[in-house]
Amino acid sequence: MKTSPLSPLGRRTQPPPISWLMRMTLERPGLISLAAGFTDNPSLPVREARALFQDLLRDGPAGQAALQYGSTPGLPQLRELTARRLCELDGPGAAAPGRLIISSGSQQMLYMVTEALCGPGDIVLVEDPTYFVYLGILQSHGVETRGIRMEADGLSLEHLEDTLNALSRDGDLPRVKLLYLVSYFQNPTGLTTRREKKSRAIEILRRYERRAGHPIYLVEDAAYRELRFSGLDEPSALALRRHASRVIYVGTYSKPFATGARVGFGVLPEPVFTTVERIKGNHDFGTSNVLQCLLASALESGHYDRHLAILRRRYRHKAETMTAAARRHFSASVQWREPQGGLYLWAALPGGVSAGVNSRVFRAALERGVLYVPGQLCYAPDPRRRRPAHELRLSFGGATTDQITRGMARLGGVLRAMV
């Protein structure tokens, strides 16, 4: 009998759902994808990037330095600018360059943090629903998940406490390593977690970590923080100074500037910082130096903030286009919230109607030429309950306004016929 040459991690790793969703888009000409979390293509800063690169790659030592290897934790200039930016948002002392590591997008930082803290059989608490790509990272590492219900202003603290109580009763608390939050305009629901809830959540975690015998971290994924187009910014967990040793903050420059420039970052306490820096050295011993120089130039020159203002106006318009189409084409029994930022609209069908991968709704939508993300993909696997299947994620990020209008009309026709 032949045995697999793959490692346990290799054997565990399943194809990410995003892969077949993207493949469907390529294989079906004329299909309107409201699924992919792409950013707005026409607004990508081509002219600005060209000008920045031309200045960056001028003859002499500066251009040569940009094209040379950098350091593992990242370009000192970019780390300084990032720390300064976070302190402007969350107050003095919120972040220091010496606690920052630059990564190849925020996705790599999430992977490295998981690699540093979690092993097979460990438990990670996640929002229910949550970012489904991160669920894939956890699954590949053999990590179990427990979903914490969401409320209008973030995760349910009551359910967090109940879950930790149950884990403690079952003797499983030592396996709990972290709580993962997508805290701004959450992927997939669009919800934002209030500062007070972050503070209370950390207090609850710290109370239970005494029984666990080790720190339990709050990992705050702030990928969509800068894509706010209405309302006020909510402080991050970095603003909670007395809990700094338990906060891991993950951010990105990809979505607010250019997704092709895969540059993200993490603010990490010890001993996580040193461990992630070592893992980063094994991964690639440093994020692309020329891309880090590009982002540092964009921040220093003001190009970044000017582009961000344009992007916010554009996403506001696209969100308004999608919600206007939802009001026009969706039946009244379909529930959804007005987005205030990010890239997504989360819709819920009335009880008993499935929008899941194998549902009549999903198949009919494909036949009508429109693709969405079935909400069941965003729920943590839990043998004690079935994943909810009555929700769907719609993205207004990558589609044009015309595609949004036509795609929502097609989807609305399907939903009116079946809901």
Protein backbone atom coordinates (compact mmCIF):
# COMPACT_ATOMS: atom_id res chain seq x y z
CA MET A 1 0.00 0.00 0.00
CA LYS A 2 1.40 3.40 -1.03
CA THR A 3 1.71 6.14 1.57
CA SER A 4 1.50 9.84 0.81
CA PRO A 5 4.79 11.71 0.50
CA LEU A 6 3.08 14.80 1.95
CA SER A 7 3.49 16.13 5.47
CA PRO A 8 0.50 16.12 7.84
CA LEU A 9 0.01 19.82 7.05
CA GLY A 10 0.21 19.09 3.32
CA ARG A 11 -2.36 16.32 3.63
CA ARG A 12 -4.69 18.50 5.73
CA THR A 13 -4.63 21.53 3.46
CA GLN A 14 -7.81 21.72 1.40
CA PRO A 15 -8.44 23.81 -1.74
CA PRO A 16 -9.51 27.32 -0.65
CA PRO A 17 -13.11 28.17 -1.60
CA ILE A 18 -11.86 31.37 -3.21
CA SER A 19 -10.05 29.25 -5.82
CA TRP A 20 -13.18 27.62 -7.24
CA LEU A 21 -15.15 30.86 -6.96
CA MET A 22 -12.53 32.60 -9.11
CA ARG A 23 -12.38 29.63 -11.49
CA MET A 24 -16.13 29.89 -12.04
CA THR A 25 -15.68 33.52 -13.08
CA LEU A 26 -13.05 32.56 -15.65
CA GLU A 27 -14.93 29.54 -17.00
CA ARG A 28 -18.27 31.31 -17.54
CA PRO A 29 -18.07 34.17 -20.04
CA GLY A 30 -20.55 36.92 -19.21
CA LEU A 31 -20.79 35.90 -15.56
CA ILE A 32 -21.03 38.92 -13.25
CA SER A 33 -19.03 38.22 -10.11
CA LEU A 34 -20.28 39.89 -6.96
CA ALA A 35 -18.20 37.34 -5.05
CA ALA A 36 -14.52 38.26 -5.24
CA GLY A 37 -13.24 40.77 -2.70
CA PHE A 38 -11.24 42.58 -5.37
CA THR A 39 -10.67 46.31 -5.11
CA ASP A 40 -11.84 48.86 -7.67
CA ASN A 41 -9.74 48.42 -10.83
CA PRO A 42 -10.19 51.87 -12.50
CA SER A 43 -9.10 53.66 -9.32
CA LEU A 44 -5.77 51.82 -8.96
CA PRO A 45 -3.11 54.58 -8.73
CA VAL A 46 -1.18 53.84 -11.94
CA ARG A 47 0.05 57.38 -12.64
CA GLU A 48 0.95 57.99 -9.02
CA ALA A 49 2.85 54.69 -8.76
CA ARG A 50 4.69 55.43 -12.03
CA ALA A 51 5.79 58.85 -10.76
CA LEU A 52 6.84 57.40 -7.40
CA PHE A 53 8.81 54.61 -9.05
CA GLN A 54 10.52 57.03 -11.44
CA ASP A 55 11.63 59.14 -8.50
CA LEU A 56 12.54 56.08 -6.46
CA LEU A 57 14.61 54.41 -9.17
CA ARG A 58 16.62 57.43 -10.18
CA ASP A 59 20.33 56.84 -10.75
CA GLY A 60 22.47 56.54 -7.68
CA PRO A 61 22.52 54.91 -4.23
CA ALA A 62 18.81 55.47 -3.45
CA GLY A 63 17.66 53.50 -6.48
CA GLN A 64 20.19 50.77 -5.85
CA ALA A 65 19.11 50.50 -2.21
CA ALA A 66 15.47 50.09 -3.26
CA LEU A 67 16.40 47.17 -5.53
CA GLN A 68 18.62 45.49 -2.92
CA TYR A 69 17.57 43.05 -0.21
CA GLY A 70 16.07 44.66 2.88
CA SER A 71 15.88 43.49 6.48
CA THR A 72 13.61 40.78 7.82
CA PRO A 73 11.36 43.02 9.99
CA GLY A 74 11.05 45.56 7.19
CA LEU A 75 12.16 48.94 5.87
CA PRO A 76 12.90 51.18 8.89
CA GLN A 77 11.30 54.18 7.17
CA LEU A 78 8.05 52.28 6.51
CA ARG A 79 7.96 50.89 10.04
CA GLU A 80 8.39 54.42 11.42
CA LEU A 81 5.67 55.87 9.15
CA THR A 82 3.29 53.01 10.01
CA ALA A 83 3.82 53.42 13.76
CA ARG A 84 3.27 57.18 13.44
CA ARG A 85 0.05 56.60 11.50
CA LEU A 86 -1.30 54.20 14.13
CA CYS A 87 -0.43 56.64 16.93
CA GLU A 88 -2.42 59.34 15.11
CA LEU A 89 -5.41 56.98 15.04
CA ASP A 90 -5.12 55.37 18.48
CA GLY A 91 -3.14 57.84 20.57
CA PRO A 92 0.50 58.29 21.62
CA GLY A 93 2.27 55.03 22.36
CA ALA A 94 -0.22 52.88 20.44
CA ALA A 95 2.56 51.44 18.27
CA ALA A 96 6.35 51.65 18.09
CA PRO A 97 8.56 50.80 15.10
CA GLY A 98 10.35 48.23 17.22
CA ARG A 99 7.11 46.27 17.62
CA LEU A 100 6.28 46.32 13.89
CA ILE A 101 7.00 43.72 11.24
CA ILE A 102 6.24 44.38 7.58
CA SER A 103 4.75 41.38 5.76
CA SER A 104 3.79 40.36 2.24
CA GLY A 105 0.19 41.44 2.69
CA SER A 106 -1.80 40.98 5.89
CA GLN A 107 -2.49 37.38 4.84
CA GLN A 108 1.13 36.40 5.45
CA MET A 109 1.05 38.06 8.86
CA LEU A 110 -2.05 36.06 9.83
CA TYR A 111 -0.34 32.87 8.66
CA MET A 112 2.85 33.61 10.62
CA VAL A 113 0.98 34.54 13.81
CA THR A 114 -0.97 31.28 13.57
CA GLU A 115 2.24 29.37 12.94
CA ALA A 116 3.84 31.02 15.97
CA LEU A 117 0.98 30.37 18.41
CA CYS A 118 -1.00 27.34 17.24
CA GLY A 119 -0.43 23.66 16.70
CA PRO A 120 -2.65 20.69 15.80
CA GLY A 121 -5.46 20.30 18.32
CA ASP A 122 -5.33 23.89 19.57
CA ILE A 123 -8.47 26.05 19.54
CA VAL A 124 -9.00 29.50 18.04
CA LEU A 125 -12.14 31.54 18.77
CA VAL A 126 -13.54 33.35 15.73
CA GLU A 127 -16.50 35.55 14.93
CA ASP A 128 -19.44 33.60 13.55
CA PRO A 129 -19.37 34.29 10.60
CA THR A 130 -15.77 35.26 9.83
CA TYR A 131 -13.18 35.70 7.05
CA PHE A 132 -13.35 32.32 5.35
CA VAL A 133 -9.77 32.39 4.02
CA TYR A 134 -8.48 32.50 7.60
CA LEU A 135 -10.61 29.47 8.39
CA GLY A 136 -8.59 27.69 5.69
CA ILE A 137 -5.31 28.65 7.39
CA LEU A 138 -6.58 27.27 10.70
CA GLN A 139 -7.84 24.06 9.08
CA SER A 140 -4.48 23.44 7.40
CA HIS A 141 -2.72 23.78 10.75
CA GLY A 142 -5.07 21.27 12.37
CA VAL A 143 -6.57 23.97 14.61
CA GLU A 144 -10.13 23.64 15.87
CA THR A 145 -12.44 26.65 15.82
CA ARG A 146 -15.30 27.84 17.98
CA GLY A 147 -17.62 30.47 16.58
CA ILE A 148 -18.75 33.44 18.69
CA ARG A 149 -22.06 34.98 17.63
CA MET A 150 -22.15 38.47 16.15
CA GLU A 151 -24.34 41.37 17.25
CA ALA A 152 -24.93 44.73 15.58
CA ASP A 153 -21.89 46.25 17.31
CA GLY A 154 -19.55 43.26 17.15
CA LEU A 155 -19.13 39.89 18.79
CA SER A 156 -21.45 38.78 21.60
CA LEU A 157 -19.59 39.07 24.90
CA GLU A 158 -22.18 36.87 26.56
CA HIS A 159 -21.58 34.10 24.02
CA LEU A 160 -17.79 34.55 24.37
CA GLU A 161 -18.11 34.02 28.12
CA ASP A 162 -20.43 31.03 27.68
CA THR A 163 -18.02 29.43 25.20
CA LEU A 164 -15.01 29.88 27.46
CA ASN A 165 -17.01 28.51 30.39
CA ALA A 166 -17.93 25.41 28.41
CA LEU A 167 -14.31 24.90 27.32
CA SER A 168 -13.19 25.26 30.93
CA ARG A 169 -15.73 22.69 32.13
CA ASP A 170 -14.57 20.24 29.47
CA GLY A 171 -10.90 20.73 30.36
CA ASP A 172 -10.15 22.30 26.95
CA LEU A 173 -9.18 25.80 28.07
CA PRO A 174 -5.40 25.10 27.82
CA ARG A 175 -5.93 24.52 24.09
CA VAL A 176 -7.36 28.03 23.49
CA LYS A 177 -4.71 30.31 21.97
CA LEU A 178 -6.42 33.38 20.57
CA LEU A 179 -9.58 35.24 19.64
CA TYR A 180 -9.62 36.47 16.02
CA LEU A 181 -11.63 39.58 15.11
CA VAL A 182 -12.09 41.34 11.77
CA SER A 183 -13.02 44.46 13.65
CA TYR A 184 -13.74 47.06 10.94
CA PHE A 185 -16.46 46.61 8.28
CA GLN A 186 -16.08 42.90 8.82
CA ASN A 187 -15.58 40.45 6.01
CA PRO A 188 -18.26 39.16 5.46
CA THR A 189 -20.96 41.03 7.45
CA GLY A 190 -19.72 44.64 7.23
CA LEU A 191 -20.11 45.02 11.03
CA THR A 192 -17.66 47.01 13.19
CA THR A 193 -16.72 46.08 16.76
CA ARG A 194 -16.89 48.94 19.27
CA ARG A 195 -13.84 49.82 21.38
CA GLU A 196 -15.76 48.96 24.56
CA LYS A 197 -16.41 45.44 23.30
CA LYS A 198 -12.73 44.94 22.44
CA SER A 199 -11.80 46.05 25.95
CA ARG A 200 -14.35 43.77 27.58
CA ALA A 201 -13.33 40.86 25.35
CA ILE A 202 -9.68 41.18 26.42
CA GLU A 203 -10.70 41.39 30.08
CA ILE A 204 -12.70 38.18 29.67
CA LEU A 205 -9.79 36.45 27.93
CA ARG A 206 -7.36 37.52 30.65
CA ARG A 207 -9.67 36.17 33.33
CA TYR A 208 -9.79 32.76 31.67
CA GLU A 209 -6.11 32.62 30.75
CA ARG A 210 -5.30 32.14 34.43
CA ARG A 211 -7.04 28.78 34.17
CA ALA A 212 -5.52 28.10 30.74
CA GLY A 213 -2.00 28.55 32.11
CA HIS A 214 -0.81 30.76 29.25
CA PRO A 215 -1.67 34.06 27.53
CA ILE A 216 -4.73 34.16 25.24
CA TYR A 217 -4.29 36.85 22.60
CA LEU A 218 -6.73 39.11 20.82
CA VAL A 219 -5.79 39.22 17.12
CA GLU A 220 -7.36 42.30 15.54
CA ASP A 221 -7.48 42.11 11.74
CA ALA A 222 -7.97 45.73 10.63
CA ALA A 223 -7.70 45.14 6.87
CA TYR A 224 -10.71 47.36 6.06
CA ARG A 225 -10.18 50.09 8.65
CA GLU A 226 -9.16 52.80 6.19
CA LEU A 227 -12.00 52.00 3.78
CA ARG A 228 -14.54 53.88 5.91
CA PHE A 229 -16.85 56.13 3.90
CA SER A 230 -19.36 57.14 6.59
CA GLY A 231 -19.37 57.44 10.37
CA LEU A 232 -16.41 57.98 12.70
CA ASP A 233 -13.34 55.81 13.17
CA GLU A 234 -13.52 53.41 16.11
CA PRO A 235 -10.28 53.11 18.14
CA SER A 236 -8.49 49.80 17.81
CA ALA A 237 -7.38 47.52 20.63
CA LEU A 238 -3.98 49.26 20.41
CA ALA A 239 -5.64 52.15 22.25
CA LEU A 240 -6.06 49.85 25.28
CA ARG A 241 -2.57 50.45 26.69
CA ARG A 242 -2.90 48.26 29.78
CA HIS A 243 -3.67 45.27 27.55
CA ALA A 244 -0.81 45.87 25.08
CA SER A 245 0.86 42.56 25.97
CA ARG A 246 -2.20 40.65 24.72
CA VAL A 247 -3.00 42.58 21.51
CA ILE A 248 -1.82 41.54 18.05
CA TYR A 249 -2.83 44.11 15.43
CA VAL A 250 -2.73 43.20 11.74
CA GLY A 251 -3.11 45.80 8.98
CA THR A 252 -2.50 46.23 5.27
CA TYR A 253 -1.60 48.80 2.64
CA SER A 254 -2.89 46.56 -0.16
CA LYS A 255 -6.59 47.40 -0.07
CA PRO A 256 -6.28 51.14 0.66
CA PHE A 257 -3.59 51.73 -2.02
CA ALA A 258 -2.88 48.91 -4.49
CA THR A 259 -3.68 45.22 -4.01
CA GLY A 260 -0.86 44.25 -6.37
CA ALA A 261 1.59 45.84 -3.93
CA ARG A 262 1.31 43.11 -1.33
CA VAL A 263 2.44 45.00 1.74
CA GLY A 264 0.93 44.43 5.17
CA PHE A 265 2.13 44.72 8.76
CA GLY A 266 1.68 43.48 12.29
CA VAL A 267 2.11 45.13 15.69
CA LEU A 268 3.22 42.34 18.00
CA PRO A 269 4.04 41.96 21.71
CA GLU A 270 6.83 39.72 22.95
CA PRO A 271 7.42 36.82 22.72
CA VAL A 272 5.27 36.78 19.57
CA PHE A 273 7.34 39.51 17.86
CA THR A 274 10.64 37.62 18.06
CA THR A 275 9.05 34.33 17.02
CA VAL A 276 7.25 35.85 14.03
CA GLU A 277 10.46 37.64 12.99
CA ARG A 278 12.25 34.27 12.95
CA ILE A 279 9.41 32.65 10.99
CA LYS A 280 9.48 35.59 8.56
CA GLY A 281 13.18 34.95 8.06
CA ASN A 282 12.39 31.36 7.11
CA HIS A 283 9.56 32.41 4.79
CA ASP A 284 11.36 35.04 2.70
CA PHE A 285 13.82 36.96 4.97
CA GLY A 286 12.00 40.17 4.12
CA THR A 287 9.06 41.56 2.16
CA SER A 288 9.84 43.00 -1.29
CA ASN A 289 12.10 45.96 -0.55
CA VAL A 290 11.13 47.93 -3.66
CA LEU A 291 7.42 47.65 -2.79
CA GLN A 292 8.11 48.82 0.75
CA CYS A 293 9.99 51.81 -0.67
CA LEU A 294 7.01 52.53 -2.94
CA LEU A 295 4.61 52.56 0.03
CA ALA A 296 6.94 54.68 2.14
CA SER A 297 7.18 57.22 -0.70
CA ALA A 298 3.40 57.20 -1.15
CA LEU A 299 2.90 57.90 2.56
CA GLU A 300 5.54 60.62 2.82
CA SER A 301 4.52 62.42 -0.37
CA GLY A 302 0.80 62.53 0.49
CA HIS A 303 -0.12 60.39 -2.54
CA TYR A 304 -1.45 57.67 -0.22
CA ASP A 305 -3.92 59.91 1.62
CA ARG A 306 -5.04 61.67 -1.56
CA HIS A 307 -5.71 58.30 -3.18
CA LEU A 308 -7.52 57.07 -0.07
CA ALA A 309 -9.91 60.04 -0.22
CA ILE A 310 -10.72 59.21 -3.86
CA LEU A 311 -11.20 55.54 -2.99
CA ARG A 312 -13.60 56.29 -0.14
CA ARG A 313 -15.79 58.43 -2.40
CA ARG A 314 -15.76 55.73 -5.06
CA TYR A 315 -16.70 52.93 -2.65
CA ARG A 316 -19.45 55.07 -1.15
CA HIS A 317 -20.92 55.48 -4.66
CA LYS A 318 -20.62 51.77 -5.43
CA ALA A 319 -22.17 50.80 -2.08
CA GLU A 320 -25.05 53.19 -2.76
CA THR A 321 -25.48 51.63 -6.21
CA MET A 322 -25.68 48.15 -4.68
CA THR A 323 -28.07 49.09 -1.87
CA ALA A 324 -30.33 51.02 -4.27
CA ALA A 325 -30.46 47.90 -6.45
CA ALA A 326 -31.20 45.74 -3.39
CA ARG A 327 -34.14 47.97 -2.47
CA ARG A 328 -35.39 47.84 -6.04
CA HIS A 329 -34.96 44.15 -6.80
CA PHE A 330 -34.90 42.16 -3.52
CA SER A 331 -38.09 41.01 -1.88
CA ALA A 332 -38.94 42.66 1.46
CA SER A 333 -38.20 39.44 3.37
CA VAL A 334 -34.48 39.64 2.47
CA GLN A 335 -32.60 41.49 5.24
CA TRP A 336 -29.40 43.52 4.88
CA ARG A 337 -27.63 46.55 6.41
CA GLU A 338 -26.35 49.72 4.76
CA PRO A 339 -22.53 49.42 4.55
CA GLN A 340 -20.49 52.20 6.16
CA GLY A 341 -17.17 51.02 4.79
CA GLY A 342 -15.30 48.03 3.45
CA LEU A 343 -16.32 46.10 0.36
CA TYR A 344 -19.31 43.96 1.31
CA LEU A 345 -23.05 43.73 1.71
CA TRP A 346 -24.31 40.77 3.77
CA ALA A 347 -27.83 39.59 3.00
CA ALA A 348 -29.98 37.10 4.91
CA LEU A 349 -32.86 35.14 3.39
CA PRO A 350 -35.88 34.24 5.53
CA GLY A 351 -35.56 31.09 7.64
CA GLY A 352 -35.60 27.80 5.79
CA VAL A 353 -34.40 29.21 2.45
CA SER A 354 -30.87 28.11 1.65
CA ALA A 355 -28.39 30.16 -0.39
CA GLY A 356 -25.66 27.56 0.16
CA VAL A 357 -23.27 25.97 -2.31
CA ASN A 358 -25.68 23.17 -3.27
CA SER A 359 -28.87 25.22 -3.03
CA ARG A 360 -31.43 25.95 -5.74
CA VAL A 361 -30.79 29.66 -5.19
CA PHE A 362 -27.05 29.35 -5.89
CA ARG A 363 -27.59 27.18 -9.00
CA ALA A 364 -30.30 29.50 -10.33
CA ALA A 365 -28.08 32.55 -9.77
CA LEU A 366 -25.30 30.91 -11.80
CA GLU A 367 -27.77 30.11 -14.57
CA ARG A 368 -28.83 33.78 -14.57
CA GLY A 369 -25.16 34.80 -14.80
CA VAL A 370 -24.37 36.16 -11.33
CA LEU A 371 -22.05 34.81 -8.63
CA TYR A 372 -22.04 35.47 -4.87
CA VAL A 373 -20.24 33.93 -1.88
CA PRO A 374 -22.51 31.46 -0.05
CA GLY A 375 -22.55 32.56 3.57
CA GLN A 376 -22.11 29.02 4.91
CA LEU A 377 -18.44 29.17 3.80
CA CYS A 378 -17.88 31.91 6.38
CA TYR A 379 -18.95 29.89 9.42
CA ALA A 380 -16.51 27.94 11.56
CA PRO A 381 -16.87 24.17 11.23
CA ASP A 382 -18.48 22.85 14.38
CA PRO A 383 -19.70 19.23 14.67
CA ARG A 384 -22.29 20.34 17.24
CA ARG A 385 -24.31 22.37 14.71
CA ARG A 386 -24.94 22.75 11.01
CA ARG A 387 -23.44 25.78 9.34
CA PRO A 388 -26.13 28.40 8.63
CA ALA A 389 -26.83 28.49 4.90
CA HIS A 390 -29.43 31.25 4.50
CA GLU A 391 -26.98 34.15 3.98
CA LEU A 392 -24.84 35.46 1.13
CA ARG A 393 -21.95 37.89 0.75
CA LEU A 394 -22.02 40.43 -2.07
CA SER A 395 -18.99 42.54 -2.97
CA PHE A 396 -19.20 46.01 -4.53
CA GLY A 397 -15.39 46.29 -4.63
CA GLY A 398 -14.25 44.90 -7.97
CA ALA A 399 -17.41 45.03 -10.10
CA THR A 400 -18.23 48.14 -12.12
CA THR A 401 -21.36 50.12 -11.26
CA ASP A 402 -22.99 48.75 -14.42
CA GLN A 403 -22.12 45.18 -13.41
CA ILE A 404 -23.45 45.82 -9.89
CA THR A 405 -26.74 47.14 -11.30
CA ARG A 406 -27.18 44.26 -13.74
CA GLY A 407 -25.93 41.60 -11.33
CA MET A 408 -28.26 42.71 -8.54
CA ALA A 409 -31.20 42.73 -10.98
CA ARG A 410 -30.39 39.15 -12.01
CA LEU A 411 -29.99 38.03 -8.40
CA GLY A 412 -33.16 39.85 -7.40
CA GLY A 413 -35.10 37.96 -10.07
CA VAL A 414 -33.86 34.68 -8.62
CA LEU A 415 -34.71 35.67 -5.04
CA ARG A 416 -38.19 36.95 -5.89
CA ALA A 417 -38.93 33.64 -7.57
CA MET A 418 -37.67 31.52 -4.67
CA VAL A 419 -38.09 33.53 -1.48
